[in-house]
Amino acid sequence: MSLILKWFLMTISVGVAAHLIPGVSVAGFMAALWVALFLGIVNVLIRPILILVTLPINILTLGLFTFVINACLVLLASVVIKGFEVKGFSTAVLFSIVLSVINYLLNALIRAGSRNEK
C-alpha cells in the first residue's frame, strides 16, 4: 500500500475519531491531514525511543503504559497543530484507542479490496 494512501486513511481516521469522541475537535480536512502527518512522523521517530526508555514500567504494567505514551503523543499533536484540540488526558487516551481501531479497520478494508481485484 502506498504511503500517500496510508496517510489519507489516517486522515479519515482522525476525522472520524474526532467526530465520535466528545472533547476532540478538528477544524477541517487540512487540520486532520496535518494531524495524521504529525502523528505518523512522531510514531516513527519518537514513540520507539519513548517505549524503550519506559520499558521497565511497560513490563510491570504488561504493556498498558503504552496507552499513556500514545495519549501523550496525541496531546503533543494538539499543542503543535492549529485546529486540533483535545480536552484532557482521558480524552486523549480514548482518542488514541478509537483512532487505532478505525485506522486498522480502514487498512484491512483496503487490503481486502485489493486482494479481491487480483
Protein backbone atom coordinates (compact mmCIF):
# COMPACT_ATOMS: atom_id res chain seq x y z
CA MET A 1 0.00 0.00 0.00
CA SER A 2 1.41 3.38 -0.91
CA LEU A 3 2.46 5.91 1.67
CA ILE A 4 0.04 8.52 0.31
CA LEU A 5 -2.88 6.09 0.65
CA LYS A 6 -1.90 5.28 4.24
CA TRP A 7 -1.66 9.00 5.02
CA PHE A 8 -5.10 9.58 3.51
CA LEU A 9 -6.61 6.68 5.50
CA MET A 10 -5.07 8.05 8.69
CA THR A 11 -6.57 11.45 7.87
CA ILE A 12 -10.01 9.88 7.52
CA SER A 13 -9.45 8.02 10.79
CA VAL A 14 -8.57 11.27 12.58
CA GLY A 15 -11.71 12.94 11.27
CA VAL A 16 -13.99 10.05 12.20
CA ALA A 17 -12.45 9.59 15.65
CA ALA A 18 -12.71 13.33 16.35
CA HIS A 19 -16.37 13.22 15.29
CA LEU A 20 -17.12 10.25 17.56
CA ILE A 21 -15.37 11.43 20.72
CA PRO A 22 -16.63 14.47 22.61
CA GLY A 23 -13.78 16.70 23.68
CA VAL A 24 -11.82 16.30 20.46
CA SER A 25 -12.21 18.79 17.64
CA VAL A 26 -10.60 19.07 14.24
CA ALA A 27 -11.09 22.34 12.36
CA GLY A 28 -11.28 20.71 8.93
CA PHE A 29 -9.75 18.35 6.44
CA MET A 30 -6.42 20.21 6.30
CA ALA A 31 -6.06 20.12 10.08
CA ALA A 32 -6.80 16.37 10.03
CA LEU A 33 -4.22 15.97 7.26
CA TRP A 34 -1.57 17.73 9.37
CA VAL A 35 -2.51 15.73 12.47
CA ALA A 36 -2.17 12.48 10.51
CA LEU A 37 1.23 13.56 9.17
CA PHE A 38 2.44 14.69 12.59
CA LEU A 39 1.28 11.51 14.34
CA GLY A 40 2.86 9.39 11.61
CA ILE A 41 6.23 11.11 11.95
CA VAL A 42 6.11 11.07 15.75
CA ASN A 43 5.14 7.37 15.78
CA VAL A 44 8.14 6.54 13.60
CA LEU A 45 10.75 8.75 15.26
CA ILE A 46 9.82 9.46 18.89
CA ARG A 47 7.50 6.64 20.01
CA PRO A 48 10.11 3.83 19.77
CA ILE A 49 12.50 5.87 21.92
CA LEU A 50 9.78 6.54 24.50
CA ILE A 51 8.84 2.86 24.60
CA LEU A 52 12.47 1.88 25.09
CA VAL A 53 13.00 4.43 27.86
CA THR A 54 9.82 3.37 29.65
CA LEU A 55 10.40 -0.35 29.13
CA PRO A 56 10.59 -1.27 32.84
CA ILE A 57 7.26 0.37 33.68
CA ASN A 58 5.79 -1.01 30.48
CA ILE A 59 6.78 -4.53 31.52
CA LEU A 60 5.36 -4.01 35.02
CA THR A 61 2.03 -2.84 33.58
CA LEU A 62 2.00 -5.60 30.95
CA GLY A 63 2.14 -3.07 28.13
CA LEU A 64 -0.67 -0.84 29.36
CA PHE A 65 1.73 2.08 29.80
CA THR A 66 1.81 2.27 26.01
CA PHE A 67 -1.65 3.86 26.23
CA VAL A 68 -0.10 6.64 28.32
CA ILE A 69 2.62 7.16 25.70
CA ASN A 70 0.04 7.28 22.90
CA ALA A 71 -2.08 9.77 24.85
CA CYS A 72 0.95 11.99 25.45
CA LEU A 73 1.73 11.97 21.72
CA VAL A 74 -1.88 12.91 20.91
CA LEU A 75 -1.69 15.75 23.44
CA LEU A 76 1.59 16.86 21.84
CA ALA A 77 -0.16 16.92 18.47
CA SER A 78 -2.95 19.06 19.92
CA VAL A 79 -0.37 21.56 21.15
CA VAL A 80 1.57 21.68 17.89
CA ILE A 81 -1.21 21.52 15.27
CA LYS A 82 -3.54 24.51 14.98
CA GLY A 83 -7.16 23.46 14.59
CA PHE A 84 -6.79 20.24 16.58
CA GLU A 85 -7.90 20.26 20.21
CA VAL A 86 -8.03 17.51 22.80
CA LYS A 87 -9.57 18.33 26.16
CA GLY A 88 -7.81 16.26 28.77
CA PHE A 89 -5.68 13.20 29.21
CA SER A 90 -8.51 10.64 29.38
CA THR A 91 -9.94 12.04 26.16
CA ALA A 92 -6.52 11.64 24.53
CA VAL A 93 -6.36 8.00 25.67
CA LEU A 94 -9.82 7.31 24.27
CA PHE A 95 -9.00 9.16 21.04
CA SER A 96 -5.81 7.14 20.50
CA ILE A 97 -7.66 3.85 21.04
CA VAL A 98 -10.52 4.77 18.70
CA LEU A 99 -8.06 6.16 16.15
CA SER A 100 -6.11 2.90 16.14
CA VAL A 101 -9.24 0.78 15.73
CA ILE A 102 -10.63 2.90 12.89
CA ASN A 103 -7.28 3.04 11.12
CA TYR A 104 -6.89 -0.74 11.43
CA LEU A 105 -10.37 -1.34 10.02
CA LEU A 106 -9.83 1.02 7.08
CA ASN A 107 -6.48 -0.56 6.25
CA ALA A 108 -7.98 -4.06 6.46
CA LEU A 109 -10.83 -2.98 4.20
CA ILE A 110 -8.45 -1.59 1.59
CA ARG A 111 -6.23 -4.70 1.73
CA ALA A 112 -9.25 -7.00 1.35
CA GLY A 113 -10.45 -4.93 -1.60
CA SER A 114 -7.07 -5.06 -3.30
CA ARG A 115 -6.88 -8.85 -2.83
CA ASN A 116 -10.26 -9.30 -4.49
CA GLU A 117 -9.14 -7.31 -7.53
CA LYS A 118 -6.23 -9.64 -8.27
